[in-house]
PDB file of N, CA and C in Angstrom:
ATOM      1  N   MET A   1      20.784-162.302-107.757  1.00  0.00           N
ATOM      2  CA  MET A   1      21.625-161.433-106.834  1.00  0.00           C
ATOM      3  C   MET A   1      22.019-162.255-105.686  1.00  0.00           C
ATOM      4  N   ARG A   2      21.214-163.140-105.190  1.00  0.00           N
ATOM      5  CA  ARG A   2      21.573-163.882-103.974  1.00  0.00           C
ATOM      6  C   ARG A   2      22.806-164.673-104.159  1.00  0.00           C
ATOM      7  N   PRO A   3      22.988-165.391-105.284  1.00  0.00           N
ATOM      8  CA  PRO A   3      24.350-166.081-105.494  1.00  0.00           C
ATOM      9  C   PRO A   3      25.543-165.146-105.447  1.00  0.00           C
ATOM     10  N   LEU A   4      25.360-163.958-105.975  1.00  0.00           N
ATOM     11  CA  LEU A   4      26.491-162.989-105.983  1.00  0.00           C
ATOM     12  C   LEU A   4      26.765-162.513-104.555  1.00  0.00           C
ATOM     13  N   VAL A   5      25.734-162.320-103.773  1.00  0.00           N
ATOM     14  CA  VAL A   5      25.846-161.941-102.404  1.00  0.00           C
ATOM     15  C   VAL A   5      26.631-163.062-101.631  1.00  0.00           C
ATOM     16  N   LEU A   6      26.129-164.301-101.777  1.00  0.00           N
ATOM     17  CA  LEU A   6      26.724-165.370-101.089  1.00  0.00           C
ATOM     18  C   LEU A   6      28.171-165.578-101.479  1.00  0.00           C
ATOM     19  N   LEU A   7      28.480-165.447-102.776  1.00  0.00           N
ATOM     20  CA  LEU A   7      29.847-165.561-103.176  1.00  0.00           C
ATOM     21  C   LEU A   7      30.713-164.500-102.585  1.00  0.00           C
ATOM     22  N   LEU A   8      30.256-163.234-102.661  1.00  0.00           N
ATOM     23  CA  LEU A   8      31.068-162.235-102.096  1.00  0.00           C
ATOM     24  C   LEU A   8      31.275-162.357-100.609  1.00  0.00           C
ATOM     25  N   ILE A   9      30.261-162.738 -99.853  1.00  0.00           N
ATOM     26  CA  ILE A   9      30.404-162.865 -98.393  1.00  0.00           C
ATOM     27  C   ILE A   9      31.362-164.019 -98.136  1.00  0.00           C
ATOM     28  N   THR A  10      31.197-165.118 -98.829  1.00  0.00           N
ATOM     29  CA  THR A  10      32.045-166.327 -98.631  1.00  0.00           C
ATOM     30  C   THR A  10      33.476-165.932 -98.902  1.00  0.00           C
ATOM     31  N   ALA A  11      33.676-165.386-100.056  1.00  0.00           N
ATOM     32  CA  ALA A  11      35.048-165.095-100.574  1.00  0.00           C
ATOM     33  C   ALA A  11      35.825-164.128 -99.590  1.00  0.00           C
ATOM     34  N   LEU A  12      35.166-163.188 -98.986  1.00  0.00           N
ATOM     35  CA  LEU A  12      35.860-162.184 -98.254  1.00  0.00           C
ATOM     36  C   LEU A  12      35.522-162.315 -96.679  1.00  0.00           C
ATOM     37  N   SER A  13      34.805-163.170 -96.234  1.00  0.00           N
ATOM     38  CA  SER A  13      34.405-163.218 -94.854  1.00  0.00           C
ATOM     39  C   SER A  13      35.714-163.345 -93.925  1.00  0.00           C
ATOM     40  N   PHE A  14      36.703-164.056 -94.409  1.00  0.00           N
ATOM     41  CA  PHE A  14      37.868-164.268 -93.560  1.00  0.00           C
ATOM     42  C   PHE A  14      38.891-163.121 -93.791  1.00  0.00           C
ATOM     43  N   ALA A  15      38.784-162.467 -94.949  1.00  0.00           N
ATOM     44  CA  ALA A  15      39.777-161.488 -95.220  1.00  0.00           C
ATOM     45  C   ALA A  15      39.413-160.030 -94.860  1.00  0.00           C
ATOM     46  N   SER A  16      38.121-159.869 -94.666  1.00  0.00           N
ATOM     47  CA  SER A  16      37.719-158.432 -94.405  1.00  0.00           C
ATOM     48  C   SER A  16      37.685-158.167 -92.922  1.00  0.00           C
ATOM     49  N   PRO A  17      38.126-157.008 -92.595  1.00  0.00           N
ATOM     50  CA  PRO A  17      38.069-156.546 -91.160  1.00  0.00           C
ATOM     51  C   PRO A  17      36.596-156.311 -90.753  1.00  0.00           C
ATOM     52  N   ARG A  18      36.355-156.378 -89.477  1.00  0.00           N
ATOM     53  CA  ARG A  18      34.982-156.033 -89.023  1.00  0.00           C
ATOM     54  C   ARG A  18      34.724-154.555 -89.287  1.00  0.00           C
ATOM     55  N   VAL A  19      33.561-154.251 -89.754  1.00  0.00           N
ATOM     56  CA  VAL A  19      33.082-152.995 -90.051  1.00  0.00           C
ATOM     57  C   VAL A  19      31.947-152.604 -89.159  1.00  0.00           C
ATOM     58  N   ASN A  20      32.002-151.498 -88.610  1.00  0.00           N
ATOM     59  CA  ASN A  20      30.882-150.993 -87.707  1.00  0.00           C
ATOM     60  C   ASN A  20      29.965-150.240 -88.714  1.00  0.00           C
ATOM     61  N   ALA A  21      28.885-150.969 -89.122  1.00  0.00           N
ATOM     62  CA  ALA A  21      27.960-150.369 -90.120  1.00  0.00           C
ATOM     63  C   ALA A  21      27.359-149.061 -89.673  1.00  0.00           C
ATOM     64  N   GLY A  22      27.025-148.951 -88.441  1.00  0.00           N
ATOM     65  CA  GLY A  22      26.408-147.720 -87.859  1.00  0.00           C
ATOM     66  C   GLY A  22      27.360-146.487 -87.923  1.00  0.00           C
ATOM     67  N   GLY A  23      28.624-146.819 -87.842  1.00  0.00           N
ATOM     68  CA  GLY A  23      29.605-145.663 -87.856  1.00  0.00           C
ATOM     69  C   GLY A  23      30.084-145.265 -89.209  1.00  0.00           C
ATOM     70  N   GLN A  24      29.676-145.894 -90.226  1.00  0.00           N
ATOM     71  CA  GLN A  24      30.161-145.594 -91.535  1.00  0.00           C
ATOM     72  C   GLN A  24      29.242-144.509 -92.147  1.00  0.00           C
ATOM     73  N   PRO A  25      29.961-143.452 -92.767  1.00  0.00           N
ATOM     74  CA  PRO A  25      29.120-142.376 -93.344  1.00  0.00           C
ATOM     75  C   PRO A  25      28.424-142.819 -94.641  1.00  0.00           C
ATOM     76  N   GLY A  26      27.511-142.000 -95.028  1.00  0.00           N
ATOM     77  CA  GLY A  26      26.878-142.291 -96.355  1.00  0.00           C
ATOM     78  C   GLY A  26      27.842-142.400 -97.564  1.00  0.00           C
ATOM     79  N   SER A  27      28.837-141.651 -97.504  1.00  0.00           N
ATOM     80  CA  SER A  27      29.829-141.709 -98.565  1.00  0.00           C
ATOM     81  C   SER A  27      30.420-143.134 -98.713  1.00  0.00           C
ATOM     82  N   PHE A  28      30.627-143.817 -97.591  1.00  0.00           N
ATOM     83  CA  PHE A  28      31.115-145.152 -97.554  1.00  0.00           C
ATOM     84  C   PHE A  28      30.127-146.090 -98.138  1.00  0.00           C
ATOM     85  N   PHE A  29      28.855-145.925 -97.752  1.00  0.00           N
ATOM     86  CA  PHE A  29      27.755-146.737 -98.385  1.00  0.00           C
ATOM     87  C   PHE A  29      27.640-146.542 -99.817  1.00  0.00           C
ATOM     88  N   LEU A  30      27.822-145.289-100.309  1.00  0.00           N
ATOM     89  CA  LEU A  30      27.724-144.975-101.686  1.00  0.00           C
ATOM     90  C   LEU A  30      28.863-145.663-102.445  1.00  0.00           C
ATOM     91  N   SER A  31      30.013-145.522-102.126  1.00  0.00           N
ATOM     92  CA  SER A  31      31.104-146.187-102.824  1.00  0.00           C
ATOM     93  C   SER A  31      31.009-147.713-102.676  1.00  0.00           C
ATOM     94  N   SER A  32      30.610-148.306-101.586  1.00  0.00           N
ATOM     95  CA  SER A  32      30.480-149.720-101.458  1.00  0.00           C
ATOM     96  C   SER A  32      29.403-150.217-102.279  1.00  0.00           C
ATOM     97  N   CYS A  33      28.304-149.542-102.406  1.00  0.00           N
ATOM     98  CA  CYS A  33      27.113-150.022-103.208  1.00  0.00           C
ATOM     99  C   CYS A  33      27.388-149.787-104.694  1.00  0.00           C
ATOM    100  N   GLU A  34      28.099-148.695-105.077  1.00  0.00           N
ATOM    101  CA  GLU A  34      28.438-148.589-106.361  1.00  0.00           C
ATOM    102  C   GLU A  34      29.354-149.695-106.827  1.00  0.00           C
ATOM    103  N   ALA A  35      30.215-150.223-106.007  1.00  0.00           N
ATOM    104  CA  ALA A  35      30.985-151.341-106.331  1.00  0.00           C
ATOM    105  C   ALA A  35      30.226-152.573-106.623  1.00  0.00           C
ATOM    106  N   VAL A  36      29.130-152.766-105.912  1.00  0.00           N
ATOM    107  CA  VAL A  36      28.183-153.838-106.238  1.00  0.00           C
ATOM    108  C   VAL A  36      27.690-153.744-107.699  1.00  0.00           C
ATOM    109  N   ILE A  37      27.280-152.591-108.064  1.00  0.00           N
ATOM    110  CA  ILE A  37      26.797-152.361-109.291  1.00  0.00           C
ATOM    111  C   ILE A  37      27.893-152.525-110.444  1.00  0.00           C
ATOM    112  N   ARG A  38      29.047-152.026-110.123  1.00  0.00           N
ATOM    113  CA  ARG A  38      30.143-152.281-111.044  1.00  0.00           C
ATOM    114  C   ARG A  38      30.460-153.776-111.231  1.00  0.00           C
ATOM    115  N   ALA A  39      30.389-154.504-110.162  1.00  0.00           N
ATOM    116  CA  ALA A  39      30.674-155.985-110.212  1.00  0.00           C
ATOM    117  C   ALA A  39      29.500-156.695-111.013  1.00  0.00           C
ATOM    118  N   GLN A  40      28.293-156.236-110.873  1.00  0.00           N
ATOM    119  CA  GLN A  40      27.146-156.762-111.569  1.00  0.00           C
ATOM    120  C   GLN A  40      27.313-156.491-113.084  1.00  0.00           C
ATOM    121  N   GLU A  41      27.923-155.438-113.458  1.00  0.00           N
ATOM    122  CA  GLU A  41      28.152-155.080-114.820  1.00  0.00           C
ATOM    123  C   GLU A  41      29.405-155.763-115.409  1.00  0.00           C
ATOM    124  N   GLY A  42      30.010-156.546-114.657  1.00  0.00           N
ATOM    125  CA  GLY A  42      31.132-157.283-115.161  1.00  0.00           C
ATOM    126  C   GLY A  42      32.531-156.763-114.935  1.00  0.00           C
ATOM    127  N   GLN A  43      32.553-155.540-114.201  1.00  0.00           N
ATOM    128  CA  GLN A  43      33.880-154.853-114.068  1.00  0.00           C
ATOM    129  C   GLN A  43      34.626-155.625-112.977  1.00  0.00           C
ATOM    130  N   HIS A  44      35.975-155.634-113.196  1.00  0.00           N
ATOM    131  CA  HIS A  44      36.839-156.147-112.192  1.00  0.00           C
ATOM    132  C   HIS A  44      37.026-155.244-110.987  1.00  0.00           C
ATOM    133  N   LEU A  45      36.919-155.732-109.819  1.00  0.00           N
ATOM    134  CA  LEU A  45      37.099-154.903-108.733  1.00  0.00           C
ATOM    135  C   LEU A  45      38.368-155.234-107.865  1.00  0.00           C
ATOM    136  N   PRO A  46      39.149-154.286-107.396  1.00  0.00           N
ATOM    137  CA  PRO A  46      40.278-154.649-106.660  1.00  0.00           C
ATOM    138  C   PRO A  46      39.749-155.225-105.231  1.00  0.00           C
ATOM    139  N   THR A  47      40.656-155.710-104.445  1.00  0.00           N
ATOM    140  CA  THR A  47      40.204-156.310-103.164  1.00  0.00           C
ATOM    141  C   THR A  47      39.542-155.369-102.346  1.00  0.00           C
ATOM    142  N   GLU A  48      39.852-154.073-102.229  1.00  0.00           N
ATOM    143  CA  GLU A  48      39.132-153.123-101.401  1.00  0.00           C
ATOM    144  C   GLU A  48      37.699-152.932-101.968  1.00  0.00           C
ATOM    145  N   GLY A  49      37.631-152.954-103.285  1.00  0.00           N
ATOM    146  CA  GLY A  49      36.288-152.729-103.856  1.00  0.00           C
ATOM    147  C   GLY A  49      35.375-153.917-103.594  1.00  0.00           C
ATOM    148  N   MET A  50      36.033-155.102-103.588  1.00  0.00           N
ATOM    149  CA  MET A  50      35.240-156.412-103.285  1.00  0.00           C
ATOM    150  C   MET A  50      34.771-156.358-101.840  1.00  0.00           C
ATOM    151  N   MET A  51      35.653-155.889-100.956  1.00  0.00           N
ATOM    152  CA  MET A  51      35.211-155.827 -99.518  1.00  0.00           C
ATOM    153  C   MET A  51      34.051-154.785 -99.336  1.00  0.00           C
ATOM    154  N   GLY A  52      34.197-153.715-100.074  1.00  0.00           N
ATOM    155  CA  GLY A  52      33.015-152.791 -99.865  1.00  0.00           C
ATOM    156  C   GLY A  52      31.787-153.290-100.545  1.00  0.00           C
ATOM    157  N   ALA A  53      31.930-153.952-101.680  1.00  0.00           N
ATOM    158  CA  ALA A  53      30.660-154.595-102.337  1.00  0.00           C
ATOM    159  C   ALA A  53      30.085-155.582-101.390  1.00  0.00           C
ATOM    160  N   THR A  54      30.930-156.406-100.757  1.00  0.00           N
ATOM    161  CA  THR A  54      30.457-157.350 -99.762  1.00  0.00           C
ATOM    162  C   THR A  54      29.730-156.816 -98.599  1.00  0.00           C
ATOM    163  N   PHE A  55      30.263-155.645 -98.075  1.00  0.00           N
ATOM    164  CA  PHE A  55      29.631-154.960 -96.969  1.00  0.00           C
ATOM    165  C   PHE A  55      28.220-154.467 -97.470  1.00  0.00           C
ATOM    166  N   CYS A  56      28.153-153.830 -98.602  1.00  0.00           N
ATOM    167  CA  CYS A  56      26.937-153.248 -99.085  1.00  0.00           C
ATOM    168  C   CYS A  56      25.892-154.354 -99.261  1.00  0.00           C
ATOM    169  N   ALA A  57      26.236-155.355 -99.996  1.00  0.00           N
ATOM    170  CA  ALA A  57      25.360-156.469-100.350  1.00  0.00           C
ATOM    171  C   ALA A  57      24.767-157.178 -99.033  1.00  0.00           C
ATOM    172  N   ALA A  58      25.681-157.432 -98.196  1.00  0.00           N
ATOM    173  CA  ALA A  58      25.302-158.060 -96.934  1.00  0.00           C
ATOM    174  C   ALA A  58      24.350-157.142 -96.054  1.00  0.00           C
ATOM    175  N   TYR A  59      24.752-155.846 -95.998  1.00  0.00           N
ATOM    176  CA  TYR A  59      23.986-154.935 -95.149  1.00  0.00           C
ATOM    177  C   TYR A  59      22.589-154.810 -95.734  1.00  0.00           C
ATOM    178  N   VAL A  60      22.419-154.562 -97.048  1.00  0.00           N
ATOM    179  CA  VAL A  60      21.171-154.400 -97.660  1.00  0.00           C
ATOM    180  C   VAL A  60      20.337-155.699 -97.581  1.00  0.00           C
ATOM    181  N   SER A  61      20.849-156.806 -97.813  1.00  0.00           N
ATOM    182  CA  SER A  61      20.267-158.018 -97.768  1.00  0.00           C
ATOM    183  C   SER A  61      19.684-158.333 -96.356  1.00  0.00           C
ATOM    184  N   GLY A  62      20.468-157.985 -95.283  1.00  0.00           N
ATOM    185  CA  GLY A  62      19.996-158.151 -93.929  1.00  0.00           C
ATOM    186  C   GLY A  62      18.906-157.212 -93.550  1.00  0.00           C
ATOM    187  N   PHE A  63      19.024-155.971 -94.104  1.00  0.00           N
ATOM    188  CA  PHE A  63      17.946-155.034 -93.899  1.00  0.00           C
ATOM    189  C   PHE A  63      16.685-155.449 -94.361  1.00  0.00           C
ATOM    190  N   LEU A  64      16.710-155.906 -95.688  1.00  0.00           N
ATOM    191  CA  LEU A  64      15.526-156.373 -96.439  1.00  0.00           C
ATOM    192  C   LEU A  64      14.951-157.615 -95.652  1.00  0.00           C
ATOM    193  N   ASP A  65      15.727-158.484 -95.227  1.00  0.00           N
ATOM    194  CA  ASP A  65      15.249-159.637 -94.498  1.00  0.00           C
ATOM    195  C   ASP A  65      14.574-159.228 -93.186  1.00  0.00           C
ATOM    196  N   SER A  66      15.138-158.334 -92.552  1.00  0.00           N
ATOM    197  CA  SER A  66      14.468-157.858 -91.267  1.00  0.00           C
ATOM    198  C   SER A  66      13.200-157.143 -91.566  1.00  0.00           C
ATOM    199  N   MET A  67      13.052-156.471 -92.667  1.00  0.00           N
ATOM    200  CA  MET A  67      11.809-155.797 -92.988  1.00  0.00           C
ATOM    201  C   MET A  67      10.731-156.876 -93.435  1.00  0.00           C
ATOM    202  N   SER A  68      11.157-157.917 -94.010  1.00  0.00           N
ATOM    203  CA  SER A  68      10.221-158.951 -94.480  1.00  0.00           C
ATOM    204  C   SER A  68       9.736-159.773 -93.293  1.00  0.00           C
ATOM    205  N   ASN A  69      10.447-159.783 -92.170  1.00  0.00           N
ATOM    206  CA  ASN A  69      10.032-160.548 -91.061  1.00  0.00           C
ATOM    207  C   ASN A  69       9.484-159.668 -89.963  1.00  0.00           C
ATOM    208  N   THR A  70       9.191-158.406 -90.302  1.00  0.00           N
ATOM    209  CA  THR A  70       8.548-157.453 -89.293  1.00  0.00           C
ATOM    210  C   THR A  70       7.138-157.347 -89.641  1.00  0.00           C
ATOM    211  N   PRO A  71       6.245-157.839 -88.708  1.00  0.00           N
ATOM    212  CA  PRO A  71       4.790-157.736 -88.892  1.00  0.00           C
ATOM    213  C   PRO A  71       4.423-156.205 -89.021  1.00  0.00           C
ATOM    214  N   GLY A  72       3.545-155.897 -89.999  1.00  0.00           N
ATOM    215  CA  GLY A  72       3.083-154.568 -90.128  1.00  0.00           C
ATOM    216  C   GLY A  72       4.082-153.617 -90.668  1.00  0.00           C
ATOM    217  N   ALA A  73       5.139-154.056 -91.241  1.00  0.00           N
ATOM    218  CA  ALA A  73       6.220-153.172 -91.770  1.00  0.00           C
ATOM    219  C   ALA A  73       5.738-152.092 -92.661  1.00  0.00           C
ATOM    220  N   PRO A  74       4.837-152.373 -93.577  1.00  0.00           N
ATOM    221  CA  PRO A  74       4.434-151.165 -94.473  1.00  0.00           C
ATOM    222  C   PRO A  74       3.784-150.111 -93.747  1.00  0.00           C
ATOM    223  N   ASP A  75       2.901-150.443 -92.789  1.00  0.00           N
ATOM    224  CA  ASP A  75       2.268-149.414 -92.084  1.00  0.00           C
ATOM    225  C   ASP A  75       3.221-148.552 -91.239  1.00  0.00           C
ATOM    226  N   ALA A  76       4.178-149.254 -90.614  1.00  0.00           N
ATOM    227  CA  ALA A  76       5.175-148.611 -89.753  1.00  0.00           C
ATOM    228  C   ALA A  76       6.240-147.829 -90.576  1.00  0.00           C
ATOM    229  N   THR A  77       6.586-148.283 -91.701  1.00  0.00           N
ATOM    230  CA  THR A  77       7.749-147.684 -92.411  1.00  0.00           C
ATOM    231  C   THR A  77       7.312-146.742 -93.663  1.00  0.00           C
ATOM    232  N   GLY A  78       6.166-147.005 -94.134  1.00  0.00           N
ATOM    233  CA  GLY A  78       5.755-146.314 -95.367  1.00  0.00           C
ATOM    234  C   GLY A  78       6.396-146.807 -96.677  1.00  0.00           C
ATOM    235  N   VAL A  79       7.001-147.987 -96.487  1.00  0.00           N
ATOM    236  CA  VAL A  79       7.599-148.715 -97.669  1.00  0.00           C
ATOM    237  C   VAL A  79       6.641-149.848 -98.104  1.00  0.00           C
ATOM    238  N   CYS A  80       6.223-149.885 -99.304  1.00  0.00           N
ATOM    239  CA  CYS A  80       5.356-150.911 -99.825  1.00  0.00           C
ATOM    240  C   CYS A  80       5.986-151.596-101.034  1.00  0.00           C
ATOM    241  N   PHE A  81       6.582-152.732-100.803  1.00  0.00           N
ATOM    242  CA  PHE A  81       7.231-153.441-101.938  1.00  0.00           C
ATOM    243  C   PHE A  81       6.168-154.079-102.840  1.00  0.00           C
ATOM    244  N   PRO A  82       6.375-154.049-104.193  1.00  0.00           N
ATOM    245  CA  PRO A  82       5.489-154.718-105.136  1.00  0.00           C
ATOM    246  C   PRO A  82       5.660-156.274-104.935  1.00  0.00           C
ATOM    247  N   GLU A  83       4.619-156.972-105.320  1.00  0.00           N
ATOM    248  CA  GLU A  83       4.654-158.421-105.299  1.00  0.00           C
ATOM    249  C   GLU A  83       5.503-158.919-106.431  1.00  0.00           C
ATOM    250  N   PRO A  84       6.444-159.747-106.326  1.00  0.00           N
ATOM    251  CA  PRO A  84       6.620-160.750-105.232  1.00  0.00           C
ATOM    252  C   PRO A  84       7.715-160.142-104.234  1.00  0.00           C
ATOM    253  N   GLY A  85       8.037-158.948-104.220  1.00  0.00           N
ATOM    254  CA  GLY A  85       9.006-158.321-103.364  1.00  0.00           C
ATOM    255  C   GLY A  85      10.060-157.619-104.189  1.00  0.00           C
ATOM    256  N   VAL A  86      11.106-157.194-103.498  1.00  0.00           N
ATOM    257  CA  VAL A  86      12.289-156.421-104.030  1.00  0.00           C
ATOM    258  C   VAL A  86      13.434-157.153-103.913  1.00  0.00           C
ATOM    259  N   SER A  87      14.269-157.265-104.991  1.00  0.00           N
ATOM    260  CA  SER A  87      15.525-157.929-104.859  1.00  0.00           C
ATOM    261  C   SER A  87      16.613-157.046-104.127  1.00  0.00           C
ATOM    262  N   ASP A  88      17.631-157.682-103.690  1.00  0.00           N
ATOM    263  CA  ASP A  88      18.741-156.932-103.213  1.00  0.00           C
ATOM    264  C   ASP A  88      19.246-155.973-104.130  1.00  0.00           C
ATOM    265  N   GLU A  89      19.326-156.301-105.361  1.00  0.00           N
ATOM    266  CA  GLU A  89      19.925-155.511-106.456  1.00  0.00           C
ATOM    267  C   GLU A  89      19.008-154.239-106.614  1.00  0.00           C
ATOM    268  N   GLN A  90      17.691-154.375-106.567  1.00  0.00           N
ATOM    269  CA  GLN A  90      16.788-153.200-106.671  1.00  0.00           C
ATOM    270  C   GLN A  90      17.000-152.236-105.500  1.00  0.00           C
ATOM    271  N   ALA A  91      17.130-152.804-104.305  1.00  0.00           N
ATOM    272  CA  ALA A  91      17.221-151.983-103.156  1.00  0.00           C
ATOM    273  C   ALA A  91      18.660-151.233-103.144  1.00  0.00           C
ATOM    274  N   ILE A  92      19.673-151.868-103.638  1.00  0.00           N
ATOM    275  CA  ILE A  92      21.050-151.311-103.794  1.00  0.00           C
ATOM    276  C   ILE A  92      20.958-150.122-104.767  1.00  0.00           C
ATOM    277  N   HIS A  93      20.340-150.338-105.890  1.00  0.00           N
ATOM    278  CA  HIS A  93      20.185-149.278-106.907  1.00  0.00           C
ATOM    279  C   HIS A  93      19.370-148.097-106.283  1.00  0.00           C
ATOM    280  N   ALA A  94      18.329-148.462-105.561  1.00  0.00           N
ATOM    281  CA  ALA A  94      17.527-147.274-104.872  1.00  0.00           C
ATOM    282  C   ALA A  94      18.454-146.486-103.966  1.00  0.00           C
ATOM    283  N   LEU A  95      19.244-147.235-103.168  1.00  0.00           N
ATOM    284  CA  LEU A  95      20.092-146.578-102.142  1.00  0.00           C
ATOM    285  C   LEU A  95      21.105-145.672-102.824  1.00  0.00           C
ATOM    286  N   VAL A  96      21.755-146.239-103.951  1.00  0.00           N
ATOM    287  CA  VAL A  96      22.799-145.489-104.733  1.00  0.00           C
ATOM    288  C   VAL A  96      22.078-144.213-105.278  1.00  0.00           C
ATOM    289  N   LYS A  97      20.986-144.363-105.823  1.00  0.00           N
ATOM    290  CA  LYS A  97      20.218-143.163-106.386  1.00  0.00           C
ATOM    291  C   LYS A  97      19.990-142.179-105.350  1.00  0.00           C
ATOM    292  N   TYR A  98      19.396-142.554-104.214  1.00  0.00           N
ATOM    293  CA  TYR A  98      19.075-141.668-103.153  1.00  0.00           C
ATOM    294  C   TYR A  98      20.280-140.916-102.659  1.00  0.00           C
ATOM    295  N   LEU A  99      21.370-141.624-102.436  1.00  0.00           N
ATOM    296  CA  LEU A  99      22.632-140.970-101.951  1.00  0.00           C
ATOM    297  C   LEU A  99      23.160-139.941-103.025  1.00  0.00           C
ATOM    298  N   ARG A 100      23.145-140.277-104.272  1.00  0.00           N
ATOM    299  CA  ARG A 100      23.519-139.411-105.314  1.00  0.00           C
ATOM    300  C   ARG A 100      22.709-138.122-105.331  1.00  0.00           C
ATOM    301  N   GLU A 101      21.403-138.299-105.129  1.00  0.00           N
ATOM    302  CA  GLU A 101      20.487-137.181-105.271  1.00  0.00           C
ATOM    303  C   GLU A 101      20.451-136.352-103.963  1.00  0.00           C
ATOM    304  N   ASN A 102      21.016-136.874-102.882  1.00  0.00           N
ATOM    305  CA  ASN A 102      20.943-136.229-101.575  1.00  0.00           C
ATOM    306  C   ASN A 102      22.400-136.068-101.038  1.00  0.00           C
ATOM    307  N   PRO A 103      23.260-135.227-101.530  1.00  0.00           N
ATOM    308  CA  PRO A 103      24.568-135.311-101.157  1.00  0.00           C
ATOM    309  C   PRO A 103      24.822-134.880 -99.740  1.00  0.00           C
ATOM    310  N   LYS A 104      23.840-134.187 -99.098  1.00  0.00           N
ATOM    311  CA  LYS A 104      24.017-133.818 -97.615  1.00  0.00           C
ATOM    312  C   LYS A 104      24.073-135.127 -96.777  1.00  0.00           C
ATOM    313  N   THR A 105      23.423-136.264 -97.270  1.00  0.00           N
ATOM    314  CA  THR A 105      23.403-137.444 -96.510  1.00  0.00           C
ATOM    315  C   THR A 105      24.785-138.166 -96.433  1.00  0.00           C
ATOM    316  N   LEU A 106      25.790-137.750 -97.306  1.00  0.00           N
ATOM    317  CA  LEU A 106      27.065-138.440 -97.425  1.00  0.00           C
ATOM    318  C   LEU A 106      27.859-138.255 -96.156  1.00  0.00           C
ATOM    319  N   ASN A 107      27.668-137.269 -95.375  1.00  0.00           N
ATOM    320  CA  ASN A 107      28.388-137.127 -94.167  1.00  0.00           C
ATOM    321  C   ASN A 107      27.649-137.600 -92.907  1.00  0.00           C
ATOM    322  N   ARG A 108      26.463-138.087 -93.097  1.00  0.00           N
ATOM    323  CA  ARG A 108      25.701-138.655 -91.975  1.00  0.00           C
ATOM    324  C   ARG A 108      25.925-140.177 -91.908  1.00  0.00           C
ATOM    325  N   PRO A 109      25.523-140.747 -90.745  1.00  0.00           N
ATOM    326  CA  PRO A 109      25.625-142.188 -90.755  1.00  0.00           C
ATOM    327  C   PRO A 109      24.815-142.840 -91.897  1.00  0.00           C
ATOM    328  N   GLY A 110      25.443-143.724 -92.612  1.00  0.00           N
ATOM    329  CA  GLY A 110      24.865-144.359 -93.731  1.00  0.00           C
ATOM    330  C   GLY A 110      23.586-145.158 -93.511  1.00  0.00           C
ATOM    331  N   ARG A 111      23.527-145.669 -92.366  1.00  0.00           N
ATOM    332  CA  ARG A 111      22.379-146.444 -91.904  1.00  0.00           C
ATOM    333  C   ARG A 111      21.099-145.660 -91.903  1.00  0.00           C
ATOM    334  N   THR A 112      21.214-144.380 -91.854  1.00  0.00           N
ATOM    335  CA  THR A 112      20.019-143.461 -91.861  1.00  0.00           C
ATOM    336  C   THR A 112      19.532-143.202 -93.219  1.00  0.00           C
ATOM    337  N   SER A 113      20.178-143.698 -94.265  1.00  0.00           N
ATOM    338  CA  SER A 113      19.759-143.413 -95.625  1.00  0.00           C
ATOM    339  C   SER A 113      18.944-144.571 -96.393  1.00  0.00           C
ATOM    340  N   LEU A 114      19.063-145.756 -95.805  1.00  0.00           N
ATOM    341  CA  LEU A 114      18.462-146.892 -96.484  1.00  0.00           C
ATOM    342  C   LEU A 114      16.882-146.781 -96.496  1.00  0.00           C
ATOM    343  N   MET A 115      16.375-146.568 -95.272  1.00  0.00           N
ATOM    344  CA  MET A 115      14.896-146.469 -95.163  1.00  0.00           C
ATOM    345  C   MET A 115      14.377-145.375 -96.047  1.00  0.00           C
ATOM    346  N   PRO A 116      14.925-144.129 -95.926  1.00  0.00           N
ATOM    347  CA  PRO A 116      14.295-143.096 -96.814  1.00  0.00           C
ATOM    348  C   PRO A 116      14.495-143.413 -98.294  1.00  0.00           C
ATOM    349  N   ALA A 117      15.508-144.111 -98.689  1.00  0.00           N
ATOM    350  CA  ALA A 117      15.768-144.502-100.051  1.00  0.00           C
ATOM    351  C   ALA A 117      14.651-145.535-100.464  1.00  0.00           C
ATOM    352  N   LEU A 118      14.416-146.442 -99.649  1.00  0.00           N
ATOM    353  CA  LEU A 118      13.330-147.437 -99.948  1.00  0.00           C
ATOM    354  C   LEU A 118      11.993-146.805 -99.942  1.00  0.00           C
ATOM    355  N   LYS A 119      11.761-145.861 -99.100  1.00  0.00           N
ATOM    356  CA  LYS A 119      10.480-145.081 -99.006  1.00  0.00           C
ATOM    357  C   LYS A 119      10.226-144.358-100.281  1.00  0.00           C
ATOM    358  N   LYS A 120      11.259-143.748-100.777  1.00  0.00           N
ATOM    359  CA  LYS A 120      11.155-142.942-101.992  1.00  0.00           C
ATOM    360  C   LYS A 120      10.974-143.830-103.226  1.00  0.00           C
ATOM    361  N   ALA A 121      11.699-144.930-103.322  1.00  0.00           N
ATOM    362  CA  ALA A 121      11.572-145.891-104.369  1.00  0.00           C
ATOM    363  C   ALA A 121      10.304-146.642-104.403  1.00  0.00           C
ATOM    364  N   PHE A 122       9.828-147.084-103.237  1.00  0.00           N
ATOM    365  CA  PHE A 122       8.655-147.927-103.123  1.00  0.00           C
ATOM    366  C   PHE A 122       7.716-147.397-102.074  1.00  0.00           C
ATOM    367  N   PRO A 123       7.046-146.200-102.442  1.00  0.00           N
ATOM    368  CA  PRO A 123       6.140-145.629-101.476  1.00  0.00           C
ATOM    369  C   PRO A 123       4.776-146.343-101.471  1.00  0.00           C
ATOM    370  N   CYS A 124       4.107-146.300-100.370  1.00  0.00           N
ATOM    371  CA  CYS A 124       2.803-146.842-100.302  1.00  0.00           C
ATOM    372  C   CYS A 124       1.783-145.957-100.909  1.00  0.00           C
ATOM    373  N   LYS A 125       0.902-146.526-101.570  1.00  0.00           N
ATOM    374  CA  LYS A 125      -0.181-145.641-102.282  1.00  0.00           C
ATOM    375  C   LYS A 125      -1.269-145.459-101.253  1.00  0.00           C
ATOM    376  N   GLU A 126      -1.726-144.214-101.167  1.00  0.00           N
ATOM    377  CA  GLU A 126      -2.788-143.826-100.282  1.00  0.00           C
ATOM    378  C   GLU A 126      -4.122-144.193-100.869  1.00  0.00           C
TER     379      GLU A 126
END
């Protein structure tokens, strides 16, 4: 997944406009992350779809990186990743599944959905 992320980011970093991640609704995250999945399945994406896929892949990758560098993250977040960790692809699938199953989140800021999606997909065992 990392090579795909790097390729997408490199290919579109100069062509894509700046996107305010915090201001994008869950519906934007859903369509953007579904584009990543379609690209992984070998489907051709138009330029807009590639830009959305780049946004999703970079956002999720950055989020996971920040979690891995946060001491005590499992205790604070309730997310417990299996060893050796979770790939960007797994996290993207978890987010898409969560957004599809929780349509009320589609009108809320998308950034508020990734943590609950990860918590649901990778809960800590008590």
